[in-house]
Amino acid sequence: MSRGVFITLEGGDGTGKTTQSELLESWLVAQGRAVVRTREPGGTDVGVEVREIVLHHRGDIAPRAEALLYAADRAHHVATLVRPALERGDVVIQDRYIDSSVAYQGAGRVLDPEAVRGLSEWATEGLLPDLTVLLDLDAASARERLDGARTRYDRLEAEASEFHDRVRSAYLALAAAEPERFLVVDAAQPVEAIAEAVRARVSTLL
């Protein structure tokens, strides 16, 4: 394989991205594939520092500053981890990518979505996923899941329901605009049913 496969998982907080990333990694490894599983922010040492700032910083962060911090992390992450893995022929499974910024900072923070996208495309030199799995769940159900799993919310999880409704709508609009790249899955389904749908789509890329 001359180039690897780049798979991203997107969706609101509480939709099960981490669980599905882990299940997909296990399945691919069992198929004999070399896999790099990572996340944004936090996939590199620099990313860990950025994650602490954007998700756990006390006090406000200006929306444009937040968008720039995510883009800075993305530039470093792609250059030092993602592209090298793809060049080796690995499968990269990533929790969040450009679509997260368009949804959260563009729609959630009410910035210009095209400007936010353009910033990240410049930061990554235009690298796009081969497949984006969107785990879709209404904000109320996602909140119930978080309430059962969290004792403390990060800055984005703690936003009001209107914020999360805008994020979900933005994700669905992105998926509708690029159906060839997206797989939209109802995240209210049982975990294994979701995993099976993801595996079926991923198998077409291998």
N, C-alpha and C. Protein backbone atom coordinates (compact mmCIF):
# COMPACT_ATOMS: atom_id res chain seq x y z
N MET A 1 0.86 -1.18 0.00
CA MET A 1 0.00 0.00 0.00
C MET A 1 0.90 1.23 0.00
N SER A 2 0.82 2.06 -1.04
CA SER A 2 1.69 3.22 -1.17
C SER A 2 1.31 4.34 -0.22
N ARG A 3 0.04 4.40 0.13
CA ARG A 3 -0.42 5.41 1.08
C ARG A 3 -1.42 4.77 2.01
N GLY A 4 -1.38 5.20 3.26
CA GLY A 4 -2.31 4.65 4.23
C GLY A 4 -3.72 5.17 4.04
N VAL A 5 -4.55 4.91 5.04
CA VAL A 5 -5.95 5.34 5.02
C VAL A 5 -6.18 6.23 6.24
N PHE A 6 -6.81 7.36 5.99
CA PHE A 6 -7.05 8.35 7.05
C PHE A 6 -8.54 8.36 7.37
N ILE A 7 -8.87 7.94 8.60
CA ILE A 7 -10.26 7.85 9.05
C ILE A 7 -10.44 8.76 10.27
N THR A 8 -11.43 9.63 10.21
CA THR A 8 -11.72 10.48 11.36
C THR A 8 -13.10 10.15 11.91
N LEU A 9 -13.25 10.34 13.21
CA LEU A 9 -14.54 10.19 13.87
C LEU A 9 -14.97 11.53 14.42
N GLU A 10 -16.20 11.91 14.12
CA GLU A 10 -16.74 13.20 14.53
C GLU A 10 -18.08 13.00 15.23
N GLY A 11 -18.52 14.05 15.90
CA GLY A 11 -19.79 14.03 16.60
C GLY A 11 -19.69 14.84 17.88
N GLY A 12 -20.83 15.10 18.47
CA GLY A 12 -20.85 15.85 19.71
C GLY A 12 -20.25 15.06 20.86
N ASP A 13 -20.04 15.73 21.97
CA ASP A 13 -19.54 15.05 23.17
C ASP A 13 -20.59 14.06 23.66
N GLY A 14 -20.13 12.86 24.01
CA GLY A 14 -21.05 11.84 24.51
C GLY A 14 -21.61 10.92 23.45
N THR A 15 -21.12 11.00 22.22
CA THR A 15 -21.67 10.16 21.14
C THR A 15 -20.96 8.82 20.99
N GLY A 16 -19.85 8.63 21.70
CA GLY A 16 -19.19 7.32 21.67
C GLY A 16 -18.00 7.22 20.73
N LYS A 17 -17.37 8.33 20.41
CA LYS A 17 -16.25 8.30 19.47
C LYS A 17 -15.07 7.46 19.98
N THR A 18 -14.75 7.61 21.26
CA THR A 18 -13.62 6.87 21.81
C THR A 18 -13.87 5.37 21.75
N THR A 19 -15.06 4.96 22.14
CA THR A 19 -15.40 3.54 22.09
C THR A 19 -15.29 2.99 20.69
N GLN A 20 -15.84 3.70 19.72
CA GLN A 20 -15.80 3.21 18.34
C GLN A 20 -14.39 3.24 17.77
N SER A 21 -13.58 4.21 18.17
CA SER A 21 -12.18 4.25 17.73
C SER A 21 -11.44 3.01 18.22
N GLU A 22 -11.67 2.66 19.47
CA GLU A 22 -11.01 1.49 20.06
C GLU A 22 -11.44 0.20 19.37
N LEU A 23 -12.74 0.07 19.11
CA LEU A 23 -13.25 -1.14 18.45
C LEU A 23 -12.72 -1.26 17.02
N LEU A 24 -12.67 -0.14 16.32
CA LEU A 24 -12.16 -0.16 14.95
C LEU A 24 -10.68 -0.51 14.93
N GLU A 25 -9.92 0.05 15.85
CA GLU A 25 -8.50 -0.27 15.92
C GLU A 25 -8.30 -1.77 16.16
N SER A 26 -9.02 -2.34 17.09
CA SER A 26 -8.88 -3.77 17.39
C SER A 26 -9.20 -4.62 16.17
N TRP A 27 -10.25 -4.26 15.44
CA TRP A 27 -10.64 -5.02 14.25
C TRP A 27 -9.57 -4.92 13.17
N LEU A 28 -9.04 -3.73 12.95
CA LEU A 28 -8.02 -3.55 11.91
C LEU A 28 -6.72 -4.28 12.25
N VAL A 29 -6.33 -4.23 13.52
CA VAL A 29 -5.13 -4.95 13.94
C VAL A 29 -5.31 -6.45 13.71
N ALA A 30 -6.50 -6.96 13.99
CA ALA A 30 -6.80 -8.37 13.76
C ALA A 30 -6.73 -8.73 12.28
N GLN A 31 -6.94 -7.72 11.42
CA GLN A 31 -6.82 -7.93 9.97
C GLN A 31 -5.37 -7.82 9.50
N GLY A 32 -4.47 -7.54 10.42
CA GLY A 32 -3.06 -7.43 10.07
C GLY A 32 -2.63 -6.04 9.65
N ARG A 33 -3.46 -5.03 9.92
CA ARG A 33 -3.12 -3.65 9.53
C ARG A 33 -2.34 -2.94 10.63
N ALA A 34 -1.40 -2.13 10.21
CA ALA A 34 -0.70 -1.25 11.14
C ALA A 34 -1.59 -0.04 11.39
N VAL A 35 -1.86 0.27 12.64
CA VAL A 35 -2.83 1.31 12.98
C VAL A 35 -2.20 2.34 13.91
N VAL A 36 -2.48 3.60 13.65
CA VAL A 36 -2.14 4.68 14.58
C VAL A 36 -3.47 5.30 15.00
N ARG A 37 -3.75 5.23 16.31
CA ARG A 37 -4.99 5.84 16.82
C ARG A 37 -4.61 7.09 17.60
N THR A 38 -5.24 8.21 17.27
CA THR A 38 -4.84 9.47 17.87
C THR A 38 -6.07 10.36 18.03
N ARG A 39 -5.84 11.57 18.54
CA ARG A 39 -6.96 12.48 18.78
C ARG A 39 -6.48 13.92 18.67
N GLU A 40 -7.43 14.81 18.49
CA GLU A 40 -7.16 16.25 18.49
C GLU A 40 -8.11 16.95 19.46
N PRO A 41 -7.52 17.86 20.25
CA PRO A 41 -6.09 17.99 20.49
C PRO A 41 -5.63 16.92 21.46
N GLY A 42 -4.32 16.69 21.52
CA GLY A 42 -3.78 15.74 22.48
C GLY A 42 -3.02 14.58 21.89
N GLY A 43 -2.85 14.55 20.57
CA GLY A 43 -2.17 13.42 19.95
C GLY A 43 -0.65 13.51 19.97
N THR A 44 -0.12 14.65 20.38
CA THR A 44 1.32 14.86 20.49
C THR A 44 1.60 15.56 21.81
N ASP A 45 2.88 15.70 22.15
CA ASP A 45 3.22 16.42 23.38
C ASP A 45 2.72 17.87 23.32
N VAL A 46 2.88 18.50 22.15
CA VAL A 46 2.36 19.85 21.97
C VAL A 46 0.84 19.84 22.12
N GLY A 47 0.19 18.84 21.54
CA GLY A 47 -1.26 18.74 21.60
C GLY A 47 -1.79 18.59 23.01
N VAL A 48 -1.04 17.89 23.87
CA VAL A 48 -1.46 17.75 25.27
C VAL A 48 -1.52 19.12 25.94
N GLU A 49 -0.52 19.96 25.64
CA GLU A 49 -0.50 21.31 26.21
C GLU A 49 -1.66 22.15 25.66
N VAL A 50 -1.90 22.06 24.36
CA VAL A 50 -3.00 22.81 23.75
C VAL A 50 -4.33 22.34 24.32
N ARG A 51 -4.48 21.03 24.50
CA ARG A 51 -5.73 20.49 25.04
C ARG A 51 -6.03 21.06 26.43
N GLU A 52 -4.99 21.18 27.23
CA GLU A 52 -5.17 21.73 28.57
C GLU A 52 -5.66 23.17 28.50
N ILE A 53 -5.14 23.92 27.54
CA ILE A 53 -5.55 25.32 27.40
C ILE A 53 -6.99 25.43 26.90
N VAL A 54 -7.30 24.75 25.79
CA VAL A 54 -8.61 24.97 25.16
C VAL A 54 -9.76 24.31 25.91
N LEU A 55 -9.48 23.23 26.64
CA LEU A 55 -10.57 22.52 27.31
C LEU A 55 -10.63 22.74 28.81
N HIS A 56 -9.52 23.13 29.43
CA HIS A 56 -9.52 23.21 30.89
C HIS A 56 -9.04 24.55 31.44
N HIS A 57 -8.77 25.50 30.56
CA HIS A 57 -8.35 26.83 31.00
C HIS A 57 -9.46 27.50 31.80
N ARG A 58 -9.11 28.08 32.93
CA ARG A 58 -10.11 28.79 33.74
C ARG A 58 -10.33 30.16 33.15
N GLY A 59 -11.57 30.51 32.94
CA GLY A 59 -11.89 31.79 32.34
C GLY A 59 -12.14 31.67 30.85
N ASP A 60 -12.49 32.78 30.25
CA ASP A 60 -12.86 32.79 28.84
C ASP A 60 -11.64 32.78 27.92
N ILE A 61 -11.84 32.22 26.74
CA ILE A 61 -10.88 32.32 25.65
C ILE A 61 -11.64 32.92 24.48
N ALA A 62 -11.12 33.97 23.87
CA ALA A 62 -11.80 34.59 22.74
C ALA A 62 -12.02 33.56 21.64
N PRO A 63 -13.20 33.54 21.00
CA PRO A 63 -13.49 32.53 19.98
C PRO A 63 -12.43 32.41 18.89
N ARG A 64 -11.92 33.55 18.39
CA ARG A 64 -10.91 33.47 17.34
C ARG A 64 -9.60 32.87 17.88
N ALA A 65 -9.27 33.19 19.11
CA ALA A 65 -8.07 32.61 19.72
C ALA A 65 -8.24 31.10 19.87
N GLU A 66 -9.44 30.68 20.25
CA GLU A 66 -9.72 29.25 20.38
C GLU A 66 -9.54 28.55 19.04
N ALA A 67 -10.08 29.13 17.97
CA ALA A 67 -9.95 28.55 16.64
C ALA A 67 -8.49 28.46 16.21
N LEU A 68 -7.72 29.48 16.53
CA LEU A 68 -6.30 29.49 16.16
C LEU A 68 -5.51 28.45 16.94
N LEU A 69 -5.85 28.25 18.21
CA LEU A 69 -5.17 27.23 19.01
C LEU A 69 -5.42 25.84 18.44
N TYR A 70 -6.66 25.56 18.08
CA TYR A 70 -6.96 24.25 17.47
C TYR A 70 -6.21 24.08 16.15
N ALA A 71 -6.15 25.14 15.35
CA ALA A 71 -5.46 25.05 14.06
C ALA A 71 -3.96 24.86 14.26
N ALA A 72 -3.38 25.53 15.26
CA ALA A 72 -1.96 25.36 15.53
C ALA A 72 -1.65 23.93 15.93
N ASP A 73 -2.47 23.36 16.81
CA ASP A 73 -2.29 21.96 17.18
C ASP A 73 -2.41 21.05 15.96
N ARG A 74 -3.38 21.34 15.12
CA ARG A 74 -3.63 20.50 13.94
C ARG A 74 -2.43 20.53 12.98
N ALA A 75 -1.85 21.70 12.80
CA ALA A 75 -0.69 21.81 11.91
C ALA A 75 0.45 20.93 12.40
N HIS A 76 0.74 21.00 13.70
CA HIS A 76 1.83 20.21 14.27
C HIS A 76 1.50 18.72 14.24
N HIS A 77 0.29 18.38 14.58
CA HIS A 77 -0.16 16.99 14.63
C HIS A 77 -0.05 16.32 13.28
N VAL A 78 -0.53 16.99 12.24
CA VAL A 78 -0.48 16.42 10.89
C VAL A 78 0.96 16.28 10.41
N ALA A 79 1.77 17.32 10.64
CA ALA A 79 3.14 17.31 10.15
C ALA A 79 4.00 16.25 10.84
N THR A 80 3.78 16.04 12.14
CA THR A 80 4.69 15.18 12.89
C THR A 80 4.17 13.77 13.14
N LEU A 81 2.86 13.56 13.03
CA LEU A 81 2.30 12.24 13.33
C LEU A 81 1.48 11.65 12.20
N VAL A 82 0.50 12.42 11.70
CA VAL A 82 -0.45 11.85 10.74
C VAL A 82 0.18 11.59 9.38
N ARG A 83 0.81 12.60 8.78
CA ARG A 83 1.42 12.39 7.46
C ARG A 83 2.49 11.30 7.47
N PRO A 84 3.40 11.29 8.45
CA PRO A 84 4.38 10.20 8.46
C PRO A 84 3.73 8.81 8.53
N ALA A 85 2.65 8.69 9.31
CA ALA A 85 1.97 7.40 9.42
C ALA A 85 1.34 7.01 8.08
N LEU A 86 0.70 7.96 7.42
CA LEU A 86 0.10 7.67 6.12
C LEU A 86 1.15 7.31 5.08
N GLU A 87 2.29 7.97 5.14
CA GLU A 87 3.37 7.67 4.20
C GLU A 87 3.94 6.28 4.41
N ARG A 88 3.85 5.77 5.64
CA ARG A 88 4.29 4.40 5.92
C ARG A 88 3.26 3.37 5.45
N GLY A 89 2.06 3.83 5.12
CA GLY A 89 0.99 2.91 4.73
C GLY A 89 0.09 2.49 5.86
N ASP A 90 0.20 3.17 7.02
CA ASP A 90 -0.63 2.83 8.18
C ASP A 90 -2.06 3.34 8.00
N VAL A 91 -2.96 2.77 8.79
CA VAL A 91 -4.31 3.30 8.91
C VAL A 91 -4.31 4.24 10.12
N VAL A 92 -4.71 5.48 9.89
CA VAL A 92 -4.80 6.45 10.98
C VAL A 92 -6.27 6.61 11.37
N ILE A 93 -6.56 6.36 12.64
CA ILE A 93 -7.90 6.56 13.19
C ILE A 93 -7.81 7.75 14.14
N GLN A 94 -8.55 8.77 13.83
CA GLN A 94 -8.40 10.02 14.60
C GLN A 94 -9.73 10.52 15.14
N ASP A 95 -9.73 10.82 16.42
CA ASP A 95 -10.88 11.40 17.11
C ASP A 95 -10.81 12.92 16.92
N ARG A 96 -11.66 13.45 16.05
CA ARG A 96 -11.79 14.87 15.72
C ARG A 96 -10.72 15.35 14.73
N TYR A 97 -11.20 16.24 13.83
CA TYR A 97 -10.30 16.84 12.84
C TYR A 97 -10.93 18.16 12.39
N ILE A 98 -10.75 18.54 11.14
CA ILE A 98 -11.18 19.85 10.66
C ILE A 98 -12.68 20.07 10.87
N ASP A 99 -13.48 19.04 10.65
CA ASP A 99 -14.94 19.20 10.79
C ASP A 99 -15.33 19.63 12.20
N SER A 100 -14.55 19.22 13.20
CA SER A 100 -14.83 19.66 14.57
C SER A 100 -14.70 21.17 14.71
N SER A 101 -13.66 21.73 14.09
CA SER A 101 -13.48 23.18 14.17
C SER A 101 -14.61 23.92 13.45
N VAL A 102 -15.00 23.40 12.29
CA VAL A 102 -16.09 24.04 11.54
C VAL A 102 -17.38 24.01 12.37
N ALA A 103 -17.63 22.88 13.05
CA ALA A 103 -18.86 22.73 13.83
C ALA A 103 -18.80 23.49 15.15
N TYR A 104 -17.72 23.32 15.89
CA TYR A 104 -17.64 23.91 17.23
C TYR A 104 -17.27 25.39 17.22
N GLN A 105 -16.21 25.73 16.48
CA GLN A 105 -15.83 27.14 16.46
C GLN A 105 -16.63 27.92 15.41
N GLY A 106 -16.90 27.30 14.27
CA GLY A 106 -17.69 27.98 13.24
C GLY A 106 -19.13 28.18 13.66
N ALA A 107 -19.84 27.08 13.92
CA ALA A 107 -21.26 27.18 14.28
C ALA A 107 -21.45 27.45 15.77
N GLY A 108 -20.75 26.69 16.61
CA GLY A 108 -20.93 26.84 18.04
C GLY A 108 -20.55 28.22 18.54
N ARG A 109 -19.39 28.71 18.11
CA ARG A 109 -18.91 30.03 18.53
C ARG A 109 -19.38 31.15 17.60
N VAL A 110 -20.12 30.79 16.56
CA VAL A 110 -20.69 31.74 15.60
C VAL A 110 -19.58 32.56 14.93
N LEU A 111 -18.56 31.86 14.46
CA LEU A 111 -17.55 32.45 13.60
C LEU A 111 -17.90 32.09 12.16
N ASP A 112 -17.14 32.61 11.20
CA ASP A 112 -17.36 32.30 9.79
C ASP A 112 -16.87 30.88 9.53
N PRO A 113 -17.77 29.92 9.24
CA PRO A 113 -17.34 28.53 9.06
C PRO A 113 -16.33 28.36 7.93
N GLU A 114 -16.49 29.11 6.85
CA GLU A 114 -15.55 28.98 5.74
C GLU A 114 -14.17 29.50 6.12
N ALA A 115 -14.12 30.56 6.92
CA ALA A 115 -12.83 31.08 7.38
C ALA A 115 -12.17 30.06 8.31
N VAL A 116 -12.95 29.44 9.18
CA VAL A 116 -12.41 28.42 10.09
C VAL A 116 -11.89 27.24 9.30
N ARG A 117 -12.65 26.79 8.30
CA ARG A 117 -12.20 25.68 7.47
C ARG A 117 -10.92 26.04 6.71
N GLY A 118 -10.91 27.24 6.14
CA GLY A 118 -9.74 27.66 5.38
C GLY A 118 -8.48 27.70 6.23
N LEU A 119 -8.61 28.13 7.48
CA LEU A 119 -7.48 28.18 8.39
C LEU A 119 -6.91 26.78 8.61
N SER A 120 -7.78 25.81 8.84
CA SER A 120 -7.31 24.45 9.09
C SER A 120 -6.78 23.80 7.81
N GLU A 121 -7.37 24.09 6.68
CA GLU A 121 -6.85 23.53 5.43
C GLU A 121 -5.46 24.07 5.14
N TRP A 122 -5.23 25.35 5.47
CA TRP A 122 -3.88 25.90 5.32
C TRP A 122 -2.93 25.23 6.30
N ALA A 123 -3.37 25.05 7.54
CA ALA A 123 -2.53 24.45 8.57
C ALA A 123 -2.11 23.03 8.23
N THR A 124 -2.98 22.29 7.56
CA THR A 124 -2.72 20.88 7.26
C THR A 124 -2.26 20.66 5.82
N GLU A 125 -2.05 21.75 5.09
CA GLU A 125 -1.68 21.66 3.67
C GLU A 125 -2.70 20.84 2.88
N GLY A 126 -3.97 21.02 3.25
CA GLY A 126 -5.06 20.43 2.48
C GLY A 126 -5.34 18.96 2.71
N LEU A 127 -4.77 18.37 3.75
CA LEU A 127 -5.01 16.95 4.00
C LEU A 127 -6.44 16.71 4.47
N LEU A 128 -7.18 15.88 3.73
CA LEU A 128 -8.55 15.53 4.10
C LEU A 128 -8.65 14.03 4.37
N PRO A 129 -9.58 13.62 5.22
CA PRO A 129 -9.75 12.19 5.50
C PRO A 129 -10.30 11.44 4.29
N ASP A 130 -10.00 10.15 4.25
CA ASP A 130 -10.62 9.27 3.26
C ASP A 130 -12.05 8.94 3.67
N LEU A 131 -12.28 8.92 4.96
CA LEU A 131 -13.62 8.63 5.51
C LEU A 131 -13.79 9.39 6.81
N THR A 132 -14.94 9.99 6.98
CA THR A 132 -15.31 10.62 8.25
C THR A 132 -16.58 9.96 8.76
N VAL A 133 -16.49 9.35 9.92
CA VAL A 133 -17.64 8.72 10.56
C VAL A 133 -18.26 9.74 11.50
N LEU A 134 -19.50 10.13 11.22
CA LEU A 134 -20.22 11.07 12.07
C LEU A 134 -21.20 10.29 12.95
N LEU A 135 -20.94 10.30 14.25
CA LEU A 135 -21.83 9.65 15.20
C LEU A 135 -22.84 10.70 15.65
N ASP A 136 -24.06 10.54 15.19
CA ASP A 136 -25.09 11.57 15.38
C ASP A 136 -26.01 11.21 16.54
N LEU A 137 -26.18 12.17 17.44
CA LEU A 137 -27.04 11.97 18.60
C LEU A 137 -27.58 13.33 19.03
N ASP A 138 -28.86 13.39 19.39
CA ASP A 138 -29.41 14.67 19.81
C ASP A 138 -28.76 15.12 21.12
N ALA A 139 -28.72 16.43 21.30
CA ALA A 139 -27.97 17.02 22.41
C ALA A 139 -28.48 16.54 23.77
N ALA A 140 -29.78 16.35 23.92
CA ALA A 140 -30.34 15.94 25.21
C ALA A 140 -29.86 14.53 25.59
N SER A 141 -29.86 13.62 24.61
CA SER A 141 -29.40 12.26 24.89
C SER A 141 -27.91 12.23 25.18
N ALA A 142 -27.16 13.05 24.44
CA ALA A 142 -25.72 13.12 24.69
C ALA A 142 -25.43 13.64 26.09
N ARG A 143 -26.21 14.62 26.52
CA ARG A 143 -26.03 15.18 27.86
C ARG A 143 -26.31 14.14 28.93
N GLU A 144 -27.33 13.31 28.72
CA GLU A 144 -27.63 12.25 29.68
C GLU A 144 -26.46 11.29 29.82
N ARG A 145 -25.84 10.97 28.69
CA ARG A 145 -24.68 10.08 28.74
C ARG A 145 -23.53 10.73 29.51
N LEU A 146 -23.29 12.00 29.24
CA LEU A 146 -22.20 12.70 29.92
C LEU A 146 -22.47 12.79 31.42
N ASP A 147 -23.73 13.05 31.77
CA ASP A 147 -24.08 13.15 33.19
C ASP A 147 -23.76 11.85 33.93
N GLY A 148 -23.89 10.73 33.23
CA GLY A 148 -23.62 9.44 33.85
C GLY A 148 -22.15 9.09 33.91
N ALA A 149 -21.33 9.83 33.13
CA ALA A 149 -19.91 9.47 33.03
C ALA A 149 -18.97 10.54 33.56
N ARG A 150 -19.46 11.75 33.78
CA ARG A 150 -18.58 12.86 34.15
C ARG A 150 -18.88 13.38 35.56
N THR A 151 -17.83 13.75 36.25
CA THR A 151 -18.00 14.49 37.49
C THR A 151 -17.67 15.96 37.26
N ARG A 152 -16.99 16.23 36.15
CA ARG A 152 -16.61 17.60 35.82
C ARG A 152 -16.60 17.73 34.30
N TYR A 153 -17.19 18.82 33.79
CA TYR A 153 -17.25 19.04 32.36
C TYR A 153 -16.10 19.93 31.90
N ASP A 154 -15.61 19.69 30.65
CA ASP A 154 -14.62 20.61 30.10
C ASP A 154 -15.36 21.84 29.55
N ARG A 155 -14.62 22.79 29.00
CA ARG A 155 -15.20 24.06 28.58
C ARG A 155 -16.28 23.89 27.52
N LEU A 156 -16.08 22.97 26.59
CA LEU A 156 -17.07 22.79 25.52
C LEU A 156 -18.26 21.96 25.99
N GLU A 157 -18.00 20.92 26.75
CA GLU A 157 -19.09 20.10 27.28
C GLU A 157 -20.04 20.93 28.13
N ALA A 158 -19.51 21.94 28.80
CA ALA A 158 -20.31 22.75 29.73
C ALA A 158 -21.17 23.79 29.04
N GLU A 159 -21.03 23.94 27.72
CA GLU A 159 -21.83 24.95 27.01
C GLU A 159 -23.32 24.58 27.05
N ALA A 160 -24.15 25.60 26.86
CA ALA A 160 -25.60 25.43 26.90
C ALA A 160 -26.09 24.56 25.74
N SER A 161 -27.32 24.04 25.89
CA SER A 161 -27.87 23.14 24.87
C SER A 161 -27.97 23.80 23.51
N GLU A 162 -28.21 25.12 23.46
CA GLU A 162 -28.30 25.82 22.18
C GLU A 162 -26.98 25.72 21.40
N PHE A 163 -25.89 25.80 22.13
CA PHE A 163 -24.56 25.65 21.52
C PHE A 163 -24.44 24.27 20.87
N HIS A 164 -24.80 23.24 21.61
CA HIS A 164 -24.67 21.87 21.11
C HIS A 164 -25.66 21.58 19.99
N ASP A 165 -26.80 22.22 20.00
CA ASP A 165 -27.75 22.08 18.89
C ASP A 165 -27.15 22.67 17.61
N ARG A 166 -26.48 23.82 17.72
CA ARG A 166 -25.83 24.42 16.55
C ARG A 166 -24.72 23.52 16.02
N VAL A 167 -23.97 22.92 16.94
CA VAL A 167 -22.90 22.03 16.54
C VAL A 167 -23.44 20.83 15.77
N ARG A 168 -24.50 20.22 16.31
CA ARG A 168 -25.09 19.06 15.63
C ARG A 168 -25.61 19.42 14.25
N SER A 169 -26.29 20.54 14.14
CA SER A 169 -26.82 20.97 12.84
C SER A 169 -25.70 21.19 11.84
N ALA A 170 -24.60 21.77 12.32
CA ALA A 170 -23.46 22.02 11.44
C ALA A 170 -22.86 20.71 10.95
N TYR A 171 -22.72 19.75 11.83
CA TYR A 171 -22.20 18.43 11.43
C TYR A 171 -23.07 17.80 10.34
N LEU A 172 -24.38 17.82 10.55
CA LEU A 172 -25.28 17.20 9.58
C LEU A 172 -25.22 17.92 8.23
N ALA A 173 -25.04 19.24 8.26
CA ALA A 173 -24.90 19.99 7.02
C ALA A 173 -23.61 19.63 6.30
N LEU A 174 -22.54 19.46 7.05
CA LEU A 174 -21.27 19.05 6.46
C LEU A 174 -21.39 17.68 5.79
N ALA A 175 -22.06 16.76 6.48
CA ALA A 175 -22.23 15.42 5.93
C ALA A 175 -23.09 15.43 4.68
N ALA A 176 -24.13 16.26 4.67
CA ALA A 176 -25.00 16.35 3.50
C ALA A 176 -24.26 16.93 2.30
N ALA A 177 -23.30 17.82 2.57
CA ALA A 177 -22.55 18.46 1.48
C ALA A 177 -21.48 17.54 0.90
N GLU A 178 -21.02 16.56 1.68
CA GLU A 178 -19.96 15.66 1.21
C GLU A 178 -20.33 14.20 1.52
N PRO A 179 -21.39 13.70 0.91
CA PRO A 179 -21.84 12.34 1.25
C PRO A 179 -20.83 11.25 0.89
N GLU A 180 -19.95 11.53 -0.08
CA GLU A 180 -18.97 10.52 -0.47
C GLU A 180 -17.89 10.33 0.60
N ARG A 181 -17.69 11.35 1.43
CA ARG A 181 -16.66 11.25 2.49
C ARG A 181 -17.24 10.81 3.82
N PHE A 182 -18.49 11.13 4.07
CA PHE A 182 -19.09 10.88 5.38
C PHE A 182 -19.88 9.57 5.44
N LEU A 183 -19.82 8.95 6.60
CA LEU A 183 -20.75 7.90 6.98
C LEU A 183 -21.46 8.41 8.23
N VAL A 184 -22.76 8.65 8.12
CA VAL A 184 -23.54 9.14 9.27
C VAL A 184 -24.21 7.95 9.93
N VAL A 185 -23.96 7.79 11.22
CA VAL A 185 -24.48 6.64 11.97
C VAL A 185 -25.28 7.16 13.16
N ASP A 186 -26.45 6.58 13.38
CA ASP A 186 -27.28 6.91 14.54
C ASP A 186 -26.58 6.39 15.79
N ALA A 187 -26.07 7.31 16.62
CA ALA A 187 -25.30 6.91 17.78
C ALA A 187 -26.16 6.39 18.93
N ALA A 188 -27.49 6.40 18.75
CA ALA A 188 -28.37 5.81 19.76
C ALA A 188 -28.46 4.30 19.63
N GLN A 189 -27.92 3.74 18.55
CA GLN A 189 -27.94 2.30 18.34
C GLN A 189 -26.99 1.61 19.32
N PRO A 190 -27.15 0.28 19.48
CA PRO A 190 -26.20 -0.47 20.30
C PRO A 190 -24.78 -0.32 19.77
N VAL A 191 -23.82 -0.39 20.68
CA VAL A 191 -22.41 -0.18 20.32
C VAL A 191 -21.97 -1.11 19.19
N GLU A 192 -22.32 -2.38 19.27
CA GLU A 192 -21.86 -3.34 18.26
C GLU A 192 -22.50 -3.08 16.90
N ALA A 193 -23.74 -2.62 16.88
CA ALA A 193 -24.39 -2.30 15.60
C ALA A 193 -23.67 -1.14 14.92
N ILE A 194 -23.27 -0.16 15.71
CA ILE A 194 -22.52 0.96 15.15
C ILE A 194 -21.18 0.47 14.61
N ALA A 195 -20.50 -0.34 15.41
CA ALA A 195 -19.19 -0.85 15.00
C ALA A 195 -19.28 -1.65 13.70
N GLU A 196 -20.34 -2.41 13.55
CA GLU A 196 -20.52 -3.21 12.34
C GLU A 196 -20.70 -2.32 11.12
N ALA A 197 -21.48 -1.25 11.27
CA ALA A 197 -21.68 -0.31 10.16
C ALA A 197 -20.38 0.37 9.78
N VAL A 198 -19.59 0.72 10.78
CA VAL A 198 -18.29 1.35 10.52
C VAL A 198 -17.36 0.39 9.81
N ARG A 199 -17.28 -0.83 10.28
CA ARG A 199 -16.40 -1.83 9.66
C ARG A 199 -16.78 -2.08 8.20
N ALA A 200 -18.08 -2.13 7.93
CA ALA A 200 -18.53 -2.38 6.56
C ALA A 200 -18.04 -1.28 5.61
N ARG A 201 -18.11 -0.03 6.08
CA ARG A 201 -17.66 1.08 5.23
C ARG A 201 -16.13 1.11 5.11
N VAL A 202 -15.45 0.89 6.21
CA VAL A 202 -13.98 0.92 6.20
C VAL A 202 -13.43 -0.18 5.30
N SER A 203 -14.08 -1.34 5.29
CA SER A 203 -13.58 -2.45 4.48
C SER A 203 -13.52 -2.11 3.01
N THR A 204 -14.35 -1.16 2.55
CA THR A 204 -14.32 -0.76 1.14
C THR A 204 -13.09 0.08 0.81
N LEU A 205 -12.42 0.60 1.84
CA LEU A 205 -11.23 1.44 1.62
C LEU A 205 -9.93 0.64 1.68
N LEU A 206 -9.99 -0.59 2.14
CA LEU A 206 -8.77 -1.37 2.40
C LEU A 206 -8.42 -2.24 1.20
